[in-house]
């Protein structure tokens, strides 16, 4: 990326490119250094409260039992469609079931 451009035999900085590069570098630094994000969910708690098995929940939301197990353990991040189906089943907003955490 060329940061300087010549205009009338004078060298000028292309501040848009410099600004973009600095902002992008800052974003990458913060994203990978400080901000590791994880999805935390309450699926297991809600499922136990409703007294249903993992297999029954899996049948209702159209996934395998293994997917529900991985979701409850925190090893699987659900798709938007799956998160919405789970929220619909429990009759709760998605935000009440799934949230973002910065610690695992």
C-alpha atoms as a PDB file:
ATOM      1  CA  UNK A   1       0.000   0.000   0.000  1.00  0.00           C
ATOM      2  CA  UNK A   2       1.436   3.315  -1.013  1.00  0.00           C
ATOM      3  CA  UNK A   3       1.156   5.892   1.785  1.00  0.00           C
ATOM      4  CA  UNK A   4       2.581   8.867  -0.012  1.00  0.00           C
ATOM      5  CA  UNK A   5       1.690  10.331  -3.348  1.00  0.00           C
ATOM      6  CA  UNK A   6       3.524  12.807  -5.433  1.00  0.00           C
ATOM      7  CA  UNK A   7       1.701  15.886  -6.562  1.00  0.00           C
ATOM      8  CA  UNK A   8       3.391  18.736  -8.427  1.00  0.00           C
ATOM      9  CA  UNK A   9       6.821  17.349  -7.538  1.00  0.00           C
ATOM     10  CA  UNK A  10       5.925  17.473  -3.819  1.00  0.00           C
ATOM     11  CA  UNK A  11       5.424  14.446  -1.623  1.00  0.00           C
ATOM     12  CA  UNK A  12       2.153  14.359   0.311  1.00  0.00           C
ATOM     13  CA  UNK A  13       0.809  11.753   2.673  1.00  0.00           C
ATOM     14  CA  UNK A  14      -2.323   9.902   1.663  1.00  0.00           C
ATOM     15  CA  UNK A  15      -4.028  10.311   5.030  1.00  0.00           C
ATOM     16  CA  UNK A  16      -7.002   8.114   4.135  1.00  0.00           C
ATOM     17  CA  UNK A  17      -4.702   5.142   3.619  1.00  0.00           C
ATOM     18  CA  UNK A  18      -2.713   5.929   6.748  1.00  0.00           C
ATOM     19  CA  UNK A  19      -5.887   6.291   8.818  1.00  0.00           C
ATOM     20  CA  UNK A  20      -7.330   3.036   7.440  1.00  0.00           C
ATOM     21  CA  UNK A  21      -4.117   1.132   8.175  1.00  0.00           C
ATOM     22  CA  UNK A  22      -3.874   2.461  11.726  1.00  0.00           C
ATOM     23  CA  UNK A  23      -7.522   1.694  12.492  1.00  0.00           C
ATOM     24  CA  UNK A  24      -7.231  -1.792  11.031  1.00  0.00           C
ATOM     25  CA  UNK A  25      -4.044  -2.480  13.004  1.00  0.00           C
ATOM     26  CA  UNK A  26      -5.719  -1.269  16.193  1.00  0.00           C
ATOM     27  CA  UNK A  27      -8.730  -3.503  15.515  1.00  0.00           C
ATOM     28  CA  UNK A  28      -6.555  -6.573  14.931  1.00  0.00           C
ATOM     29  CA  UNK A  29      -4.442  -5.876  18.008  1.00  0.00           C
ATOM     30  CA  UNK A  30      -7.468  -5.506  20.297  1.00  0.00           C
ATOM     31  CA  UNK A  31      -9.390  -8.354  18.717  1.00  0.00           C
ATOM     32  CA  UNK A  32      -6.685 -10.936  19.114  1.00  0.00           C
ATOM     33  CA  UNK A  33      -4.928  -9.643  22.226  1.00  0.00           C
ATOM     34  CA  UNK A  34      -7.694  -8.652  24.591  1.00  0.00           C
ATOM     35  CA  UNK A  35     -11.090  -9.597  23.265  1.00  0.00           C
ATOM     36  CA  UNK A  36     -11.609 -13.335  23.022  1.00  0.00           C
ATOM     37  CA  UNK A  37     -15.359 -13.772  22.876  1.00  0.00           C
ATOM     38  CA  UNK A  38     -17.310 -16.888  23.752  1.00  0.00           C
ATOM     39  CA  UNK A  39     -21.000 -17.769  23.516  1.00  0.00           C
ATOM     40  CA  UNK A  40     -22.452 -18.824  26.863  1.00  0.00           C
ATOM     41  CA  UNK A  41     -25.881 -20.428  27.020  1.00  0.00           C
ATOM     42  CA  UNK A  42     -28.533 -21.562  29.498  1.00  0.00           C
ATOM     43  CA  UNK A  43     -29.874 -24.416  27.364  1.00  0.00           C
ATOM     44  CA  UNK A  44     -29.029 -27.109  29.902  1.00  0.00           C
ATOM     45  CA  UNK A  45     -30.692 -25.239  32.775  1.00  0.00           C
ATOM     46  CA  UNK A  46     -33.822 -24.465  30.755  1.00  0.00           C
ATOM     47  CA  UNK A  47     -34.042 -28.014  29.459  1.00  0.00           C
ATOM     48  CA  UNK A  48     -33.825 -29.472  32.965  1.00  0.00           C
ATOM     49  CA  UNK A  49     -36.455 -26.988  34.226  1.00  0.00           C
ATOM     50  CA  UNK A  50     -38.834 -28.168  31.480  1.00  0.00           C
ATOM     51  CA  UNK A  51     -37.994 -31.776  32.363  1.00  0.00           C
ATOM     52  CA  UNK A  52     -37.119 -32.854  28.828  1.00  0.00           C
ATOM     53  CA  UNK A  53     -34.221 -34.932  27.564  1.00  0.00           C
ATOM     54  CA  UNK A  54     -31.490 -33.836  25.201  1.00  0.00           C
ATOM     55  CA  UNK A  55     -32.939 -36.117  22.555  1.00  0.00           C
ATOM     56  CA  UNK A  56     -36.428 -34.595  22.859  1.00  0.00           C
ATOM     57  CA  UNK A  57     -35.007 -31.078  22.527  1.00  0.00           C
ATOM     58  CA  UNK A  58     -32.935 -32.180  19.535  1.00  0.00           C
ATOM     59  CA  UNK A  59     -36.030 -33.570  17.788  1.00  0.00           C
ATOM     60  CA  UNK A  60     -37.956 -30.337  18.333  1.00  0.00           C
ATOM     61  CA  UNK A  61     -35.208 -28.022  17.055  1.00  0.00           C
ATOM     62  CA  UNK A  62     -34.221 -30.396  14.215  1.00  0.00           C
ATOM     63  CA  UNK A  63     -30.631 -31.235  15.183  1.00  0.00           C
ATOM     64  CA  UNK A  64     -28.872 -34.322  16.499  1.00  0.00           C
ATOM     65  CA  UNK A  65     -28.576 -35.183  20.172  1.00  0.00           C
ATOM     66  CA  UNK A  66     -24.800 -34.771  19.835  1.00  0.00           C
ATOM     67  CA  UNK A  67     -25.336 -31.150  18.776  1.00  0.00           C
ATOM     68  CA  UNK A  68     -27.347 -30.452  21.929  1.00  0.00           C
ATOM     69  CA  UNK A  69     -24.659 -32.128  24.053  1.00  0.00           C
ATOM     70  CA  UNK A  70     -21.905 -30.025  22.433  1.00  0.00           C
ATOM     71  CA  UNK A  71     -24.025 -26.877  22.781  1.00  0.00           C
ATOM     72  CA  UNK A  72     -24.623 -27.478  26.484  1.00  0.00           C
ATOM     73  CA  UNK A  73     -20.915 -28.154  27.108  1.00  0.00           C
ATOM     74  CA  UNK A  74     -19.955 -24.936  25.304  1.00  0.00           C
ATOM     75  CA  UNK A  75     -18.108 -26.752  22.523  1.00  0.00           C
ATOM     76  CA  UNK A  76     -20.502 -25.619  19.790  1.00  0.00           C
ATOM     77  CA  UNK A  77     -21.646 -22.180  18.688  1.00  0.00           C
ATOM     78  CA  UNK A  78     -25.170 -22.405  17.303  1.00  0.00           C
ATOM     79  CA  UNK A  79     -26.223 -20.978  13.984  1.00  0.00           C
ATOM     80  CA  UNK A  80     -28.701 -18.115  14.042  1.00  0.00           C
ATOM     81  CA  UNK A  81     -31.431 -20.488  12.891  1.00  0.00           C
ATOM     82  CA  UNK A  82     -30.722 -22.961  15.694  1.00  0.00           C
ATOM     83  CA  UNK A  83     -30.563 -20.202  18.320  1.00  0.00           C
ATOM     84  CA  UNK A  84     -33.907 -18.838  17.114  1.00  0.00           C
ATOM     85  CA  UNK A  85     -35.503 -22.301  17.144  1.00  0.00           C
ATOM     86  CA  UNK A  86     -34.293 -22.918  20.695  1.00  0.00           C
ATOM     87  CA  UNK A  87     -35.604 -19.509  21.801  1.00  0.00           C
ATOM     88  CA  UNK A  88     -38.940 -20.230  20.143  1.00  0.00           C
ATOM     89  CA  UNK A  89     -39.192 -23.576  21.908  1.00  0.00           C
ATOM     90  CA  UNK A  90     -38.472 -22.099  25.343  1.00  0.00           C
ATOM     91  CA  UNK A  91     -40.624 -19.020  24.572  1.00  0.00           C
ATOM     92  CA  UNK A  92     -37.818 -16.675  25.574  1.00  0.00           C
ATOM     93  CA  UNK A  93     -35.841 -13.997  23.719  1.00  0.00           C
ATOM     94  CA  UNK A  94     -32.529 -15.199  22.298  1.00  0.00           C
ATOM     95  CA  UNK A  95     -30.680 -12.776  24.601  1.00  0.00           C
ATOM     96  CA  UNK A  96     -32.064 -14.557  27.683  1.00  0.00           C
ATOM     97  CA  UNK A  97     -30.632 -17.901  26.514  1.00  0.00           C
ATOM     98  CA  UNK A  98     -27.387 -16.909  24.764  1.00  0.00           C
ATOM     99  CA  UNK A  99     -24.900 -14.236  25.791  1.00  0.00           C
ATOM    100  CA  UNK A 100     -21.324 -13.176  25.068  1.00  0.00           C
ATOM    101  CA  UNK A 101     -18.590 -13.774  27.614  1.00  0.00           C
ATOM    102  CA  UNK A 102     -14.956 -12.692  27.497  1.00  0.00           C
ATOM    103  CA  UNK A 103     -13.824 -15.559  29.703  1.00  0.00           C
ATOM    104  CA  UNK A 104     -14.264 -19.244  29.075  1.00  0.00           C
END
